[in-house]
Amino acid sequence: MKEYQAVMLRLTHHPRDDEDALTDLLNERSRGGWEPALMAHSGQPGGERLTVIFERVTGAERVMTAAPADLAGEP
């Protein structure tokens, strides 16, 4: 089974700040087991946004898709 999470990141038009914010977001989610699945950019009258959809495998499916090295410590 998969879980999904959507995050909207408001862009500031300062490339360095936007890059740092996106890097922080990706690193934070990665530590929780989330992987980016889809990104979409939209320009709204109130500002531009980047929408990132994250997914992660949960429960039994995670064990079935794990590499043998990941299971080495399990009995």
C-alpha atoms as a PDB file:
ATOM      1  CA  MET A   1       0.000   0.000   0.000  1.00  0.00           C
ATOM      2  CA  LYS A   2       1.229   3.532  -0.655  1.00  0.00           C
ATOM      3  CA  GLU A   3       0.686   6.762   1.220  1.00  0.00           C
ATOM      4  CA  TYR A   4       0.721  10.126  -0.507  1.00  0.00           C
ATOM      5  CA  GLN A   5       1.417  13.612   0.763  1.00  0.00           C
ATOM      6  CA  ALA A   6       1.098  16.911  -1.110  1.00  0.00           C
ATOM      7  CA  VAL A   7       3.167  19.971  -0.219  1.00  0.00           C
ATOM      8  CA  MET A   8       2.804  23.411  -1.779  1.00  0.00           C
ATOM      9  CA  LEU A   9       5.912  25.573  -1.758  1.00  0.00           C
ATOM     10  CA  ARG A  10       5.450  29.274  -2.453  1.00  0.00           C
ATOM     11  CA  LEU A  11       8.262  30.587  -4.660  1.00  0.00           C
ATOM     12  CA  THR A  12       9.880  33.895  -3.728  1.00  0.00           C
ATOM     13  CA  HIS A  13      11.577  34.791  -7.038  1.00  0.00           C
ATOM     14  CA  HIS A  14      14.895  34.728  -5.189  1.00  0.00           C
ATOM     15  CA  PRO A  15      16.541  31.671  -6.780  1.00  0.00           C
ATOM     16  CA  ARG A  16      18.907  30.961  -3.880  1.00  0.00           C
ATOM     17  CA  ASP A  17      16.091  31.120  -1.286  1.00  0.00           C
ATOM     18  CA  ASP A  18      13.799  28.968  -3.448  1.00  0.00           C
ATOM     19  CA  GLU A  19      16.570  26.412  -3.978  1.00  0.00           C
ATOM     20  CA  ASP A  20      17.301  26.250  -0.241  1.00  0.00           C
ATOM     21  CA  ALA A  21      13.611  25.853   0.620  1.00  0.00           C
ATOM     22  CA  LEU A  22      13.158  23.044  -1.915  1.00  0.00           C
ATOM     23  CA  THR A  23      16.340  21.285  -0.769  1.00  0.00           C
ATOM     24  CA  ASP A  24      15.213  21.488   2.867  1.00  0.00           C
ATOM     25  CA  LEU A  25      11.781  20.115   1.956  1.00  0.00           C
ATOM     26  CA  LEU A  26      13.216  17.193  -0.021  1.00  0.00           C
ATOM     27  CA  ASN A  27      15.726  16.334   2.708  1.00  0.00           C
ATOM     28  CA  GLU A  28      13.095  16.519   5.461  1.00  0.00           C
ATOM     29  CA  ARG A  29      10.682  14.230   3.630  1.00  0.00           C
ATOM     30  CA  SER A  30      13.452  11.843   2.580  1.00  0.00           C
ATOM     31  CA  ARG A  31      14.402  11.255   6.223  1.00  0.00           C
ATOM     32  CA  GLY A  32      10.804  10.161   6.827  1.00  0.00           C
ATOM     33  CA  GLY A  33      10.878   7.654   3.972  1.00  0.00           C
ATOM     34  CA  TRP A  34       9.020   9.855   1.477  1.00  0.00           C
ATOM     35  CA  GLU A  35      10.080  10.076  -2.183  1.00  0.00           C
ATOM     36  CA  PRO A  36       8.965  12.743  -4.661  1.00  0.00           C
ATOM     37  CA  ALA A  37       6.503  11.255  -7.148  1.00  0.00           C
ATOM     38  CA  LEU A  38       5.239  14.327  -9.009  1.00  0.00           C
ATOM     39  CA  MET A  39       6.045  18.032  -9.234  1.00  0.00           C
ATOM     40  CA  ALA A  40       3.895  20.743 -10.772  1.00  0.00           C
ATOM     41  CA  HIS A  41       4.553  24.452 -11.165  1.00  0.00           C
ATOM     42  CA  SER A  42       1.711  26.953 -11.274  1.00  0.00           C
ATOM     43  CA  GLY A  43       1.674  30.703 -11.619  1.00  0.00           C
ATOM     44  CA  GLN A  44      -1.158  32.228  -9.592  1.00  0.00           C
ATOM     45  CA  PRO A  45      -2.045  35.926  -9.344  1.00  0.00           C
ATOM     46  CA  GLY A  46      -0.925  35.799  -5.693  1.00  0.00           C
ATOM     47  CA  GLY A  47       2.431  34.227  -6.585  1.00  0.00           C
ATOM     48  CA  GLU A  48       4.026  31.175  -8.065  1.00  0.00           C
ATOM     49  CA  ARG A  49       3.839  27.807  -6.349  1.00  0.00           C
ATOM     50  CA  LEU A  50       5.529  24.475  -6.694  1.00  0.00           C
ATOM     51  CA  THR A  51       3.397  21.494  -5.716  1.00  0.00           C
ATOM     52  CA  VAL A  52       5.290  18.341  -4.789  1.00  0.00           C
ATOM     53  CA  ILE A  53       3.504  15.026  -4.332  1.00  0.00           C
ATOM     54  CA  PHE A  54       5.423  12.568  -2.152  1.00  0.00           C
ATOM     55  CA  GLU A  55       4.797   8.848  -1.796  1.00  0.00           C
ATOM     56  CA  ARG A  56       6.049   6.096   0.473  1.00  0.00           C
ATOM     57  CA  VAL A  57       5.425   2.396   0.715  1.00  0.00           C
ATOM     58  CA  THR A  58       3.804   1.230   3.945  1.00  0.00           C
ATOM     59  CA  GLY A  59       3.422  -2.019   5.836  1.00  0.00           C
ATOM     60  CA  ALA A  60       3.897  -5.437   4.210  1.00  0.00           C
ATOM     61  CA  GLU A  61       4.664  -4.021   0.760  1.00  0.00           C
ATOM     62  CA  ARG A  62       7.782  -2.322   2.162  1.00  0.00           C
ATOM     63  CA  VAL A  63       9.105  -5.677   3.397  1.00  0.00           C
ATOM     64  CA  MET A  64       8.312  -7.409   0.092  1.00  0.00           C
ATOM     65  CA  THR A  65      10.135  -4.749  -1.958  1.00  0.00           C
ATOM     66  CA  ALA A  66      13.125  -4.379   0.379  1.00  0.00           C
ATOM     67  CA  ALA A  67      16.540  -5.377  -0.896  1.00  0.00           C
ATOM     68  CA  PRO A  68      18.195  -8.408   0.771  1.00  0.00           C
ATOM     69  CA  ALA A  69      20.756  -6.091   2.420  1.00  0.00           C
ATOM     70  CA  ASP A  70      17.868  -4.227   4.086  1.00  0.00           C
ATOM     71  CA  LEU A  71      16.623  -7.476   5.651  1.00  0.00           C
ATOM     72  CA  ALA A  72      20.037  -8.779   6.792  1.00  0.00           C
ATOM     73  CA  GLY A  73      19.446  -7.784  10.414  1.00  0.00           C
ATOM     74  CA  GLU A  74      15.992  -9.337  10.657  1.00  0.00           C
ATOM     75  CA  PRO A  75      15.480 -12.927  11.970  1.00  0.00           C
END
